[in-house]
Amino acid sequence: VWQIQDLMLRANLETVLAKLSDLLTVSKVPPILARFAMIDLARKLHGVGAGFASGTPQAALDSNLKLWGPGKTSVIAAARKADPAVLADLLRDSVEADLAAKSGGTTDEVRSIERLAVRFASVLN
């Protein structure tokens, strides 16, 4: 399910939705794992965006946000292009989608995750 982060960073919504469908309906990956991967990506994007805005050194961001490997460059590039306030809203929306799924606030978890993927695409494009 972690591969969804890389796909979302590439901002190809059609590919993301196809992969989510495969994971959730074909492979029967629990929706909570997809939501967790999305929250984690939103947390990293927001952390990098807010960190750059406040002048936090890159090394501190890497350590605090656990940024490493090939995904690090993609997260940083995406966060640099987006407004930190919009990234904060994306993180809030991600957490709220998770809360709704856990508290009975949504009747269709797959559609909720797809809506969140669309939200990511709108922010990252």
PDB file of N, CA and C in Angstrom:
ATOM      1  N   VAL A   1       0.822  -1.197   0.000  1.00  0.00           N
ATOM      2  CA  VAL A   1       0.000   0.000   0.000  1.00  0.00           C
ATOM      3  C   VAL A   1       0.873   1.270   0.000  1.00  0.00           C
ATOM      4  N   TRP A   2       2.110   1.157   0.422  1.00  0.00           N
ATOM      5  CA  TRP A   2       2.971   2.354   0.480  1.00  0.00           C
ATOM      6  C   TRP A   2       3.281   2.905  -0.907  1.00  0.00           C
ATOM      7  N   GLN A   3       3.179   2.068  -1.922  1.00  0.00           N
ATOM      8  CA  GLN A   3       3.465   2.547  -3.269  1.00  0.00           C
ATOM      9  C   GLN A   3       2.476   3.621  -3.713  1.00  0.00           C
ATOM     10  N   ILE A   4       1.356   3.716  -3.040  1.00  0.00           N
ATOM     11  CA  ILE A   4       0.364   4.725  -3.398  1.00  0.00           C
ATOM     12  C   ILE A   4       0.921   6.130  -3.181  1.00  0.00           C
ATOM     13  N   GLN A   5       1.823   6.280  -2.211  1.00  0.00           N
ATOM     14  CA  GLN A   5       2.415   7.597  -1.972  1.00  0.00           C
ATOM     15  C   GLN A   5       3.174   8.079  -3.204  1.00  0.00           C
ATOM     16  N   ASP A   6       3.998   7.223  -3.768  1.00  0.00           N
ATOM     17  CA  ASP A   6       4.763   7.596  -4.950  1.00  0.00           C
ATOM     18  C   ASP A   6       3.831   7.941  -6.107  1.00  0.00           C
ATOM     19  N   LEU A   7       2.789   7.155  -6.268  1.00  0.00           N
ATOM     20  CA  LEU A   7       1.836   7.426  -7.352  1.00  0.00           C
ATOM     21  C   LEU A   7       1.142   8.767  -7.153  1.00  0.00           C
ATOM     22  N   MET A   8       0.775   9.080  -5.917  1.00  0.00           N
ATOM     23  CA  MET A   8       0.105  10.355  -5.653  1.00  0.00           C
ATOM     24  C   MET A   8       1.046  11.526  -5.906  1.00  0.00           C
ATOM     25  N   LEU A   9       2.319  11.345  -5.599  1.00  0.00           N
ATOM     26  CA  LEU A   9       3.292  12.415  -5.840  1.00  0.00           C
ATOM     27  C   LEU A   9       3.502  12.666  -7.326  1.00  0.00           C
ATOM     28  N   ARG A  10       3.265  11.667  -8.140  1.00  0.00           N
ATOM     29  CA  ARG A  10       3.373  11.848  -9.593  1.00  0.00           C
ATOM     30  C   ARG A  10       2.154  12.571 -10.146  1.00  0.00           C
ATOM     31  N   ALA A  11       1.127  12.705  -9.320  1.00  0.00           N
ATOM     32  CA  ALA A  11      -0.072  13.484  -9.639  1.00  0.00           C
ATOM     33  C   ALA A  11      -0.826  12.977 -10.866  1.00  0.00           C
ATOM     34  N   ASN A  12      -0.835  11.666 -11.075  1.00  0.00           N
ATOM     35  CA  ASN A  12      -1.633  11.090 -12.153  1.00  0.00           C
ATOM     36  C   ASN A  12      -2.848  10.432 -11.503  1.00  0.00           C
ATOM     37  N   LEU A  13      -3.926  11.171 -11.442  1.00  0.00           N
ATOM     38  CA  LEU A  13      -5.111  10.726 -10.715  1.00  0.00           C
ATOM     39  C   LEU A  13      -5.660   9.409 -11.252  1.00  0.00           C
ATOM     40  N   GLU A  14      -5.674   9.233 -12.546  1.00  0.00           N
ATOM     41  CA  GLU A  14      -6.208   7.998 -13.133  1.00  0.00           C
ATOM     42  C   GLU A  14      -5.425   6.773 -12.637  1.00  0.00           C
ATOM     43  N   THR A  15      -4.115   6.891 -12.603  1.00  0.00           N
ATOM     44  CA  THR A  15      -3.269   5.791 -12.134  1.00  0.00           C
ATOM     45  C   THR A  15      -3.492   5.535 -10.649  1.00  0.00           C
ATOM     46  N   VAL A  16      -3.603   6.596  -9.874  1.00  0.00           N
ATOM     47  CA  VAL A  16      -3.837   6.457  -8.435  1.00  0.00           C
ATOM     48  C   VAL A  16      -5.162   5.751  -8.170  1.00  0.00           C
ATOM     49  N   LEU A  17      -6.215   6.184  -8.845  1.00  0.00           N
ATOM     50  CA  LEU A  17      -7.528   5.572  -8.630  1.00  0.00           C
ATOM     51  C   LEU A  17      -7.543   4.103  -9.056  1.00  0.00           C
ATOM     52  N   ALA A  18      -6.854   3.795 -10.144  1.00  0.00           N
ATOM     53  CA  ALA A  18      -6.777   2.395 -10.592  1.00  0.00           C
ATOM     54  C   ALA A  18      -6.037   1.549  -9.567  1.00  0.00           C
ATOM     55  N   LYS A  19      -4.944   2.075  -9.024  1.00  0.00           N
ATOM     56  CA  LYS A  19      -4.177   1.326  -8.027  1.00  0.00           C
ATOM     57  C   LYS A  19      -4.979   1.165  -6.740  1.00  0.00           C
ATOM     58  N   LEU A  20      -5.667   2.202  -6.325  1.00  0.00           N
ATOM     59  CA  LEU A  20      -6.511   2.099  -5.134  1.00  0.00           C
ATOM     60  C   LEU A  20      -7.588   1.041  -5.327  1.00  0.00           C
ATOM     61  N   SER A  21      -8.208   1.029  -6.490  1.00  0.00           N
ATOM     62  CA  SER A  21      -9.222   0.016  -6.773  1.00  0.00           C
ATOM     63  C   SER A  21      -8.634  -1.379  -6.690  1.00  0.00           C
ATOM     64  N   ASP A  22      -7.465  -1.545  -7.278  1.00  0.00           N
ATOM     65  CA  ASP A  22      -6.790  -2.846  -7.230  1.00  0.00           C
ATOM     66  C   ASP A  22      -6.489  -3.251  -5.785  1.00  0.00           C
ATOM     67  N   LEU A  23      -5.956  -2.320  -5.019  1.00  0.00           N
ATOM     68  CA  LEU A  23      -5.590  -2.637  -3.639  1.00  0.00           C
ATOM     69  C   LEU A  23      -6.816  -2.952  -2.775  1.00  0.00           C
ATOM     70  N   LEU A  24      -7.836  -2.113  -2.890  1.00  0.00           N
ATOM     71  CA  LEU A  24      -8.973  -2.204  -1.974  1.00  0.00           C
ATOM     72  C   LEU A  24     -10.014  -3.244  -2.380  1.00  0.00           C
ATOM     73  N   THR A  25     -10.249  -3.399  -3.681  1.00  0.00           N
ATOM     74  CA  THR A  25     -11.318  -4.306  -4.103  1.00  0.00           C
ATOM     75  C   THR A  25     -10.815  -5.651  -4.603  1.00  0.00           C
ATOM     76  N   VAL A  26      -9.637  -5.662  -5.218  1.00  0.00           N
ATOM     77  CA  VAL A  26      -9.106  -6.925  -5.734  1.00  0.00           C
ATOM     78  C   VAL A  26      -8.235  -7.611  -4.682  1.00  0.00           C
ATOM     79  N   SER A  27      -7.238  -6.881  -4.182  1.00  0.00           N
ATOM     80  CA  SER A  27      -6.308  -7.466  -3.204  1.00  0.00           C
ATOM     81  C   SER A  27      -6.870  -7.479  -1.784  1.00  0.00           C
ATOM     82  N   LYS A  28      -7.970  -6.759  -1.576  1.00  0.00           N
ATOM     83  CA  LYS A  28      -8.642  -6.711  -0.265  1.00  0.00           C
ATOM     84  C   LYS A  28      -7.736  -6.174   0.849  1.00  0.00           C
ATOM     85  N   VAL A  29      -6.908  -5.183   0.498  1.00  0.00           N
ATOM     86  CA  VAL A  29      -6.104  -4.501   1.507  1.00  0.00           C
ATOM     87  C   VAL A  29      -7.074  -3.729   2.403  1.00  0.00           C
ATOM     88  N   PRO A  30      -6.912  -3.798   3.711  1.00  0.00           N
ATOM     89  CA  PRO A  30      -7.812  -3.050   4.594  1.00  0.00           C
ATOM     90  C   PRO A  30      -7.750  -1.545   4.298  1.00  0.00           C
ATOM     91  N   PRO A  31      -8.891  -0.898   4.178  1.00  0.00           N
ATOM     92  CA  PRO A  31      -8.912   0.538   3.878  1.00  0.00           C
ATOM     93  C   PRO A  31      -8.103   1.373   4.860  1.00  0.00           C
ATOM     94  N   ILE A  32      -8.013   0.926   6.100  1.00  0.00           N
ATOM     95  CA  ILE A  32      -7.262   1.699   7.086  1.00  0.00           C
ATOM     96  C   ILE A  32      -5.799   1.844   6.679  1.00  0.00           C
ATOM     97  N   LEU A  33      -5.262   0.850   6.000  1.00  0.00           N
ATOM     98  CA  LEU A  33      -3.864   0.945   5.563  1.00  0.00           C
ATOM     99  C   LEU A  33      -3.697   2.003   4.476  1.00  0.00           C
ATOM    100  N   ALA A  34      -4.644   2.078   3.571  1.00  0.00           N
ATOM    101  CA  ALA A  34      -4.588   3.114   2.529  1.00  0.00           C
ATOM    102  C   ALA A  34      -4.723   4.497   3.160  1.00  0.00           C
ATOM    103  N   ARG A  35      -5.643   4.633   4.104  1.00  0.00           N
ATOM    104  CA  ARG A  35      -5.799   5.927   4.778  1.00  0.00           C
ATOM    105  C   ARG A  35      -4.525   6.296   5.530  1.00  0.00           C
ATOM    106  N   PHE A  36      -3.906   5.322   6.183  1.00  0.00           N
ATOM    107  CA  PHE A  36      -2.684   5.593   6.928  1.00  0.00           C
ATOM    108  C   PHE A  36      -1.575   6.069   5.989  1.00  0.00           C
ATOM    109  N   ALA A  37      -1.433   5.437   4.833  1.00  0.00           N
ATOM    110  CA  ALA A  37      -0.417   5.853   3.865  1.00  0.00           C
ATOM    111  C   ALA A  37      -0.687   7.278   3.384  1.00  0.00           C
ATOM    112  N   MET A  38      -1.953   7.616   3.204  1.00  0.00           N
ATOM    113  CA  MET A  38      -2.309   8.959   2.743  1.00  0.00           C
ATOM    114  C   MET A  38      -2.058   9.995   3.836  1.00  0.00           C
ATOM    115  N   ILE A  39      -2.408   9.662   5.070  1.00  0.00           N
ATOM    116  CA  ILE A  39      -2.138  10.571   6.186  1.00  0.00           C
ATOM    117  C   ILE A  39      -0.636  10.791   6.327  1.00  0.00           C
ATOM    118  N   ASP A  40       0.131   9.722   6.205  1.00  0.00           N
ATOM    119  CA  ASP A  40       1.579   9.830   6.325  1.00  0.00           C
ATOM    120  C   ASP A  40       2.149  10.753   5.248  1.00  0.00           C
ATOM    121  N   LEU A  41       1.670  10.619   4.023  1.00  0.00           N
ATOM    122  CA  LEU A  41       2.141  11.491   2.954  1.00  0.00           C
ATOM    123  C   LEU A  41       1.735  12.939   3.221  1.00  0.00           C
ATOM    124  N   ALA A  42       0.510  13.157   3.641  1.00  0.00           N
ATOM    125  CA  ALA A  42       0.054  14.522   3.946  1.00  0.00           C
ATOM    126  C   ALA A  42       0.878  15.119   5.084  1.00  0.00           C
ATOM    127  N   ARG A  43       1.219  14.303   6.077  1.00  0.00           N
ATOM    128  CA  ARG A  43       2.039  14.760   7.212  1.00  0.00           C
ATOM    129  C   ARG A  43       3.417  15.187   6.720  1.00  0.00           C
ATOM    130  N   LYS A  44       4.017  14.387   5.851  1.00  0.00           N
ATOM    131  CA  LYS A  44       5.337  14.726   5.323  1.00  0.00           C
ATOM    132  C   LYS A  44       5.281  15.997   4.475  1.00  0.00           C
ATOM    133  N   LEU A  45       4.291  16.087   3.603  1.00  0.00           N
ATOM    134  CA  LEU A  45       4.166  17.274   2.755  1.00  0.00           C
ATOM    135  C   LEU A  45       3.977  18.530   3.596  1.00  0.00           C
ATOM    136  N   HIS A  46       3.085  18.450   4.567  1.00  0.00           N
ATOM    137  CA  HIS A  46       2.852  19.605   5.434  1.00  0.00           C
ATOM    138  C   HIS A  46       4.108  19.955   6.230  1.00  0.00           C
ATOM    139  N   GLY A  47       4.771  18.946   6.770  1.00  0.00           N
ATOM    140  CA  GLY A  47       5.986  19.187   7.555  1.00  0.00           C
ATOM    141  C   GLY A  47       7.077  19.858   6.741  1.00  0.00           C
ATOM    142  N   VAL A  48       7.270  19.400   5.515  1.00  0.00           N
ATOM    143  CA  VAL A  48       8.288  20.011   4.656  1.00  0.00           C
ATOM    144  C   VAL A  48       7.881  21.432   4.292  1.00  0.00           C
ATOM    145  N   GLY A  49       6.627  21.613   3.895  1.00  0.00           N
ATOM    146  CA  GLY A  49       6.169  22.955   3.519  1.00  0.00           C
ATOM    147  C   GLY A  49       6.268  23.943   4.663  1.00  0.00           C
ATOM    148  N   ALA A  50       5.813  23.543   5.829  1.00  0.00           N
ATOM    149  CA  ALA A  50       5.887  24.425   7.000  1.00  0.00           C
ATOM    150  C   ALA A  50       7.336  24.638   7.425  1.00  0.00           C
ATOM    151  N   GLY A  51       8.136  23.583   7.316  1.00  0.00           N
ATOM    152  CA  GLY A  51       9.543  23.695   7.688  1.00  0.00           C
ATOM    153  C   GLY A  51      10.290  24.674   6.802  1.00  0.00           C
ATOM    154  N   PHE A  52      10.075  24.579   5.496  1.00  0.00           N
ATOM    155  CA  PHE A  52      10.723  25.520   4.588  1.00  0.00           C
ATOM    156  C   PHE A  52      10.256  26.944   4.867  1.00  0.00           C
ATOM    157  N   ALA A  53       8.964  27.110   5.120  1.00  0.00           N
ATOM    158  CA  ALA A  53       8.418  28.443   5.384  1.00  0.00           C
ATOM    159  C   ALA A  53       9.015  29.062   6.636  1.00  0.00           C
ATOM    160  N   SER A  54       9.370  28.223   7.613  1.00  0.00           N
ATOM    161  CA  SER A  54       9.922  28.744   8.869  1.00  0.00           C
ATOM    162  C   SER A  54      11.449  28.758   8.888  1.00  0.00           C
ATOM    163  N   GLY A  55      12.068  28.277   7.812  1.00  0.00           N
ATOM    164  CA  GLY A  55      13.524  28.299   7.739  1.00  0.00           C
ATOM    165  C   GLY A  55      14.218  27.123   8.415  1.00  0.00           C
ATOM    166  N   THR A  56      13.498  26.050   8.662  1.00  0.00           N
ATOM    167  CA  THR A  56      14.092  24.866   9.280  1.00  0.00           C
ATOM    168  C   THR A  56      15.105  24.247   8.322  1.00  0.00           C
ATOM    169  N   PRO A  57      16.285  23.886   8.814  1.00  0.00           N
ATOM    170  CA  PRO A  57      17.286  23.265   7.937  1.00  0.00           C
ATOM    171  C   PRO A  57      16.796  21.933   7.364  1.00  0.00           C
ATOM    172  N   GLN A  58      17.207  21.651   6.138  1.00  0.00           N
ATOM    173  CA  GLN A  58      16.793  20.421   5.457  1.00  0.00           C
ATOM    174  C   GLN A  58      17.131  19.178   6.272  1.00  0.00           C
ATOM    175  N   ALA A  59      18.305  19.134   6.876  1.00  0.00           N
ATOM    176  CA  ALA A  59      18.711  17.945   7.650  1.00  0.00           C
ATOM    177  C   ALA A  59      17.754  17.697   8.812  1.00  0.00           C
ATOM    178  N   ALA A  60      17.286  18.748   9.442  1.00  0.00           N
ATOM    179  CA  ALA A  60      16.336  18.598  10.553  1.00  0.00           C
ATOM    180  C   ALA A  60      15.001  18.071  10.045  1.00  0.00           C
ATOM    181  N   LEU A  61      14.560  18.569   8.898  1.00  0.00           N
ATOM    182  CA  LEU A  61      13.308  18.078   8.312  1.00  0.00           C
ATOM    183  C   LEU A  61      13.435  16.599   7.958  1.00  0.00           C
ATOM    184  N   ASP A  62      14.554  16.236   7.331  1.00  0.00           N
ATOM    185  CA  ASP A  62      14.774  14.840   6.949  1.00  0.00           C
ATOM    186  C   ASP A  62      14.664  13.927   8.158  1.00  0.00           C
ATOM    187  N   SER A  63      15.301  14.326   9.241  1.00  0.00           N
ATOM    188  CA  SER A  63      15.314  13.506  10.451  1.00  0.00           C
ATOM    189  C   SER A  63      13.937  13.458  11.108  1.00  0.00           C
ATOM    190  N   ASN A  64      13.350  14.618  11.316  1.00  0.00           N
ATOM    191  CA  ASN A  64      12.056  14.693  12.016  1.00  0.00           C
ATOM    192  C   ASN A  64      10.923  14.020  11.257  1.00  0.00           C
ATOM    193  N   LEU A  65      10.950  14.140   9.927  1.00  0.00           N
ATOM    194  CA  LEU A  65       9.860  13.606   9.111  1.00  0.00           C
ATOM    195  C   LEU A  65      10.161  12.228   8.534  1.00  0.00           C
ATOM    196  N   LYS A  66      11.356  11.721   8.859  1.00  0.00           N
ATOM    197  CA  LYS A  66      11.787  10.409   8.364  1.00  0.00           C
ATOM    198  C   LYS A  66      11.758  10.364   6.836  1.00  0.00           C
ATOM    199  N   LEU A  67      12.389  11.366   6.247  1.00  0.00           N
ATOM    200  CA  LEU A  67      12.486  11.443   4.788  1.00  0.00           C
ATOM    201  C   LEU A  67      13.786  10.800   4.353  1.00  0.00           C
ATOM    202  N   TRP A  68      13.687   9.811   3.492  1.00  0.00           N
ATOM    203  CA  TRP A  68      14.882   9.153   2.956  1.00  0.00           C
ATOM    204  C   TRP A  68      14.522   8.433   1.672  1.00  0.00           C
ATOM    205  N   GLY A  69      15.536   7.950   1.012  1.00  0.00           N
ATOM    206  CA  GLY A  69      15.324   7.165  -0.205  1.00  0.00           C
ATOM    207  C   GLY A  69      14.823   8.006  -1.360  1.00  0.00           C
ATOM    208  N   PRO A  70      14.416   7.325  -2.413  1.00  0.00           N
ATOM    209  CA  PRO A  70      13.992   8.030  -3.627  1.00  0.00           C
ATOM    210  C   PRO A  70      12.730   8.874  -3.417  1.00  0.00           C
ATOM    211  N   GLY A  71      11.889   8.508  -2.475  1.00  0.00           N
ATOM    212  CA  GLY A  71      10.671   9.276  -2.228  1.00  0.00           C
ATOM    213  C   GLY A  71      10.935  10.650  -1.639  1.00  0.00           C
ATOM    214  N   LYS A  72      12.072  10.805  -0.987  1.00  0.00           N
ATOM    215  CA  LYS A  72      12.415  12.075  -0.345  1.00  0.00           C
ATOM    216  C   LYS A  72      12.393  13.225  -1.345  1.00  0.00           C
ATOM    217  N   THR A  73      13.028  13.042  -2.481  1.00  0.00           N
ATOM    218  CA  THR A  73      13.105  14.091  -3.492  1.00  0.00           C
ATOM    219  C   THR A  73      11.724  14.474  -3.996  1.00  0.00           C
ATOM    220  N   SER A  74      10.866  13.490  -4.195  1.00  0.00           N
ATOM    221  CA  SER A  74       9.510  13.756  -4.686  1.00  0.00           C
ATOM    222  C   SER A  74       8.682  14.515  -3.666  1.00  0.00           C
ATOM    223  N   VAL A  75       8.814  14.147  -2.390  1.00  0.00           N
ATOM    224  CA  VAL A  75       8.075  14.849  -1.332  1.00  0.00           C
ATOM    225  C   VAL A  75       8.524  16.301  -1.259  1.00  0.00           C
ATOM    226  N   ILE A  76       9.821  16.522  -1.279  1.00  0.00           N
ATOM    227  CA  ILE A  76      10.344  17.885  -1.188  1.00  0.00           C
ATOM    228  C   ILE A  76       9.890  18.718  -2.388  1.00  0.00           C
ATOM    229  N   ALA A  77       9.978  18.158  -3.574  1.00  0.00           N
ATOM    230  CA  ALA A  77       9.569  18.895  -4.775  1.00  0.00           C
ATOM    231  C   ALA A  77       8.087  19.258  -4.722  1.00  0.00           C
ATOM    232  N   ALA A  78       7.258  18.314  -4.299  1.00  0.00           N
ATOM    233  CA  ALA A  78       5.810  18.585  -4.221  1.00  0.00           C
ATOM    234  C   ALA A  78       5.504  19.635  -3.158  1.00  0.00           C
ATOM    235  N   ALA A  79       6.172  19.545  -2.016  1.00  0.00           N
ATOM    236  CA  ALA A  79       5.923  20.496  -0.927  1.00  0.00           C
ATOM    237  C   ALA A  79       6.375  21.902  -1.304  1.00  0.00           C
ATOM    238  N   ARG A  80       7.444  21.996  -2.061  1.00  0.00           N
ATOM    239  CA  ARG A  80       7.933  23.322  -2.486  1.00  0.00           C
ATOM    240  C   ARG A  80       6.928  24.023  -3.412  1.00  0.00           C
ATOM    241  N   LYS A  81       6.183  23.244  -4.193  1.00  0.00           N
ATOM    242  CA  LYS A  81       5.241  23.834  -5.156  1.00  0.00           C
ATOM    243  C   LYS A  81       3.928  24.265  -4.505  1.00  0.00           C
ATOM    244  N   ALA A  82       3.605  23.702  -3.358  1.00  0.00           N
ATOM    245  CA  ALA A  82       2.292  23.951  -2.753  1.00  0.00           C
ATOM    246  C   ALA A  82       2.382  24.990  -1.630  1.00  0.00           C
ATOM    247  N   ASP A  83       1.292  25.649  -1.398  1.00  0.00           N
ATOM    248  CA  ASP A  83       1.163  26.610  -0.299  1.00  0.00           C
ATOM    249  C   ASP A  83       1.101  25.829   1.018  1.00  0.00           C
ATOM    250  N   PRO A  84       1.908  26.192   2.022  1.00  0.00           N
ATOM    251  CA  PRO A  84       1.874  25.471   3.299  1.00  0.00           C
ATOM    252  C   PRO A  84       0.479  25.422   3.947  1.00  0.00           C
ATOM    253  N   ALA A  85      -0.313  26.469   3.760  1.00  0.00           N
ATOM    254  CA  ALA A  85      -1.669  26.467   4.326  1.00  0.00           C
ATOM    255  C   ALA A  85      -2.544  25.426   3.636  1.00  0.00           C
ATOM    256  N   VAL A  86      -2.365  25.261   2.339  1.00  0.00           N
ATOM    257  CA  VAL A  86      -3.119  24.248   1.594  1.00  0.00           C
ATOM    258  C   VAL A  86      -2.677  22.851   2.032  1.00  0.00           C
ATOM    259  N   LEU A  87      -1.392  22.682   2.284  1.00  0.00           N
ATOM    260  CA  LEU A  87      -0.893  21.390   2.775  1.00  0.00           C
ATOM    261  C   LEU A  87      -1.429  21.084   4.170  1.00  0.00           C
ATOM    262  N   ALA A  88      -1.579  22.114   4.995  1.00  0.00           N
ATOM    263  CA  ALA A  88      -2.180  21.920   6.320  1.00  0.00           C
ATOM    264  C   ALA A  88      -3.634  21.474   6.180  1.00  0.00           C
ATOM    265  N   ASP A  89      -4.354  22.073   5.230  1.00  0.00           N
ATOM    266  CA  ASP A  89      -5.740  21.662   4.974  1.00  0.00           C
ATOM    267  C   ASP A  89      -5.805  20.215   4.478  1.00  0.00           C
ATOM    268  N   LEU A  90      -4.848  19.830   3.635  1.00  0.00           N
ATOM    269  CA  LEU A  90      -4.806  18.460   3.123  1.00  0.00           C
ATOM    270  C   LEU A  90      -4.581  17.469   4.266  1.00  0.00           C
ATOM    271  N   LEU A  91      -3.696  17.805   5.177  1.00  0.00           N
ATOM    272  CA  LEU A  91      -3.462  16.939   6.339  1.00  0.00           C
ATOM    273  C   LEU A  91      -4.730  16.847   7.191  1.00  0.00           C
ATOM    274  N   ARG A  92      -5.381  17.976   7.422  1.00  0.00           N
ATOM    275  CA  ARG A  92      -6.622  17.970   8.202  1.00  0.00           C
ATOM    276  C   ARG A  92      -7.691  17.121   7.510  1.00  0.00           C
ATOM    277  N   ASP A  93      -7.837  17.274   6.207  1.00  0.00           N
ATOM    278  CA  ASP A  93      -8.817  16.489   5.460  1.00  0.00           C
ATOM    279  C   ASP A  93      -8.517  14.994   5.545  1.00  0.00           C
ATOM    280  N   SER A  94      -7.235  14.644   5.503  1.00  0.00           N
ATOM    281  CA  SER A  94      -6.830  13.236   5.585  1.00  0.00           C
ATOM    282  C   SER A  94      -7.188  12.642   6.950  1.00  0.00           C
ATOM    283  N   VAL A  95      -6.900  13.383   8.000  1.00  0.00           N
ATOM    284  CA  VAL A  95      -7.208  12.910   9.353  1.00  0.00           C
ATOM    285  C   VAL A  95      -8.727  12.834   9.552  1.00  0.00           C
ATOM    286  N   GLU A  96      -9.448  13.819   9.033  1.00  0.00           N
ATOM    287  CA  GLU A  96     -10.910  13.801   9.159  1.00  0.00           C
ATOM    288  C   GLU A  96     -11.527  12.628   8.404  1.00  0.00           C
ATOM    289  N   ALA A  97     -10.983  12.274   7.248  1.00  0.00           N
ATOM    290  CA  ALA A  97     -11.486  11.108   6.504  1.00  0.00           C
ATOM    291  C   ALA A  97     -11.263   9.834   7.306  1.00  0.00           C
ATOM    292  N   ASP A  98     -10.122   9.736   7.957  1.00  0.00           N
ATOM    293  CA  ASP A  98      -9.828   8.578   8.795  1.00  0.00           C
ATOM    294  C   ASP A  98     -10.779   8.527   9.990  1.00  0.00           C
ATOM    295  N   LEU A  99     -10.984   9.660  10.622  1.00  0.00           N
ATOM    296  CA  LEU A  99     -11.894   9.721  11.768  1.00  0.00           C
ATOM    297  C   LEU A  99     -13.319   9.340  11.357  1.00  0.00           C
ATOM    298  N   ALA A 100     -13.757   9.834  10.212  1.00  0.00           N
ATOM    299  CA  ALA A 100     -15.110   9.510   9.742  1.00  0.00           C
ATOM    300  C   ALA A 100     -15.270   8.012   9.527  1.00  0.00           C
ATOM    301  N   ALA A 101     -14.248   7.382   8.965  1.00  0.00           N
ATOM    302  CA  ALA A 101     -14.312   5.932   8.716  1.00  0.00           C
ATOM    303  C   ALA A 101     -14.333   5.150  10.022  1.00  0.00           C
ATOM    304  N   LYS A 102     -13.636   5.648  11.013  1.00  0.00           N
ATOM    305  CA  LYS A 102     -13.541   4.934  12.295  1.00  0.00           C
ATOM    306  C   LYS A 102     -14.732   5.184  13.205  1.00  0.00           C
ATOM    307  N   SER A 103     -15.471   6.253  12.937  1.00  0.00           N
ATOM    308  CA  SER A 103     -16.579   6.607  13.832  1.00  0.00           C
ATOM    309  C   SER A 103     -17.951   6.435  13.187  1.00  0.00           C
ATOM    310  N   GLY A 104     -17.994   5.813  12.017  1.00  0.00           N
ATOM    311  CA  GLY A 104     -19.273   5.604  11.346  1.00  0.00           C
ATOM    312  C   GLY A 104     -19.751   6.801  10.570  1.00  0.00           C
ATOM    313  N   GLY A 105     -18.861   7.770  10.342  1.00  0.00           N
ATOM    314  CA  GLY A 105     -19.230   8.980   9.614  1.00  0.00           C
ATOM    315  C   GLY A 105     -19.251   8.805   8.108  1.00  0.00           C
ATOM    316  N   THR A 106     -18.874   7.627   7.634  1.00  0.00           N
ATOM    317  CA  THR A 106     -18.934   7.349   6.203  1.00  0.00           C
ATOM    318  C   THR A 106     -19.483   5.944   6.001  1.00  0.00           C
ATOM    319  N   THR A 107     -20.278   5.784   4.971  1.00  0.00           N
ATOM    320  CA  THR A 107     -20.848   4.466   4.705  1.00  0.00           C
ATOM    321  C   THR A 107     -20.087   3.719   3.618  1.00  0.00           C
ATOM    322  N   ASP A 108     -19.208   4.420   2.900  1.00  0.00           N
ATOM    323  CA  ASP A 108     -18.464   3.796   1.814  1.00  0.00           C
ATOM    324  C   ASP A 108     -16.995   4.212   1.922  1.00  0.00           C
ATOM    325  N   GLU A 109     -16.205   3.364   2.572  1.00  0.00           N
ATOM    326  CA  GLU A 109     -14.805   3.686   2.805  1.00  0.00           C
ATOM    327  C   GLU A 109     -14.017   3.830   1.509  1.00  0.00           C
ATOM    328  N   VAL A 110     -14.312   3.012   0.522  1.00  0.00           N
ATOM    329  CA  VAL A 110     -13.583   3.078  -0.743  1.00  0.00           C
ATOM    330  C   VAL A 110     -13.825   4.431  -1.405  1.00  0.00           C
ATOM    331  N   ARG A 111     -15.066   4.873  -1.451  1.00  0.00           N
ATOM    332  CA  ARG A 111     -15.374   6.182  -2.065  1.00  0.00           C
ATOM    333  C   ARG A 111     -14.721   7.311  -1.274  1.00  0.00           C
ATOM    334  N   SER A 112     -14.694   7.182   0.028  1.00  0.00           N
ATOM    335  CA  SER A 112     -14.052   8.197   0.861  1.00  0.00           C
ATOM    336  C   SER A 112     -12.563   8.308   0.539  1.00  0.00           C
ATOM    337  N   ILE A 113     -11.902   7.176   0.361  1.00  0.00           N
ATOM    338  CA  ILE A 113     -10.478   7.163   0.013  1.00  0.00           C
ATOM    339  C   ILE A 113     -10.273   7.733  -1.390  1.00  0.00           C
ATOM    340  N   GLU A 114     -11.157   7.396  -2.303  1.00  0.00           N
ATOM    341  CA  GLU A 114     -11.055   7.941  -3.661  1.00  0.00           C
ATOM    342  C   GLU A 114     -11.214   9.462  -3.651  1.00  0.00           C
ATOM    343  N   ARG A 115     -12.161   9.962  -2.842  1.00  0.00           N
ATOM    344  CA  ARG A 115     -12.328  11.417  -2.736  1.00  0.00           C
ATOM    345  C   ARG A 115     -11.064  12.069  -2.189  1.00  0.00           C
ATOM    346  N   LEU A 116     -10.447  11.412  -1.222  1.00  0.00           N
ATOM    347  CA  LEU A 116      -9.208  11.933  -0.661  1.00  0.00           C
ATOM    348  C   LEU A 116      -8.095  11.931  -1.712  1.00  0.00           C
ATOM    349  N   ALA A 117      -8.043  10.914  -2.544  1.00  0.00           N
ATOM    350  CA  ALA A 117      -7.052  10.862  -3.632  1.00  0.00           C
ATOM    351  C   ALA A 117      -7.269  12.020  -4.610  1.00  0.00           C
ATOM    352  N   VAL A 118      -8.523  12.339  -4.888  1.00  0.00           N
ATOM    353  CA  VAL A 118      -8.831  13.474  -5.762  1.00  0.00           C
ATOM    354  C   VAL A 118      -8.354  14.772  -5.104  1.00  0.00           C
ATOM    355  N   ARG A 119      -8.538  14.864  -3.814  1.00  0.00           N
ATOM    356  CA  ARG A 119      -8.081  16.051  -3.061  1.00  0.00           C
ATOM    357  C   ARG A 119      -6.562  16.185  -3.167  1.00  0.00           C
ATOM    358  N   PHE A 120      -5.831  15.081  -2.995  1.00  0.00           N
ATOM    359  CA  PHE A 120      -4.385  15.112  -3.151  1.00  0.00           C
ATOM    360  C   PHE A 120      -4.014  15.601  -4.543  1.00  0.00           C
ATOM    361  N   ALA A 121      -4.663  15.053  -5.552  1.00  0.00           N
ATOM    362  CA  ALA A 121      -4.355  15.429  -6.934  1.00  0.00           C
ATOM    363  C   ALA A 121      -4.588  16.911  -7.165  1.00  0.00           C
ATOM    364  N   SER A 122      -5.644  17.455  -6.583  1.00  0.00           N
ATOM    365  CA  SER A 122      -5.923  18.880  -6.781  1.00  0.00           C
ATOM    366  C   SER A 122      -4.853  19.756  -6.131  1.00  0.00           C
ATOM    367  N   VAL A 123      -4.291  19.291  -5.028  1.00  0.00           N
ATOM    368  CA  VAL A 123      -3.256  20.048  -4.343  1.00  0.00           C
ATOM    369  C   VAL A 123      -1.905  19.896  -5.038  1.00  0.00           C
ATOM    370  N   LEU A 124      -1.614  18.698  -5.510  1.00  0.00           N
ATOM    371  CA  LEU A 124      -0.282  18.409  -6.055  1.00  0.00           C
ATOM    372  C   LEU A 124      -0.144  18.742  -7.535  1.00  0.00           C
ATOM    373  N   ASN A 125      -1.225  19.084  -8.209  1.00  0.00           N
ATOM    374  CA  ASN A 125      -1.126  19.470  -9.634  1.00  0.00           C
ATOM    375  C   ASN A 125      -0.888  20.945  -9.782  1.00  0.00           C
TER     376      ASN A 125
END
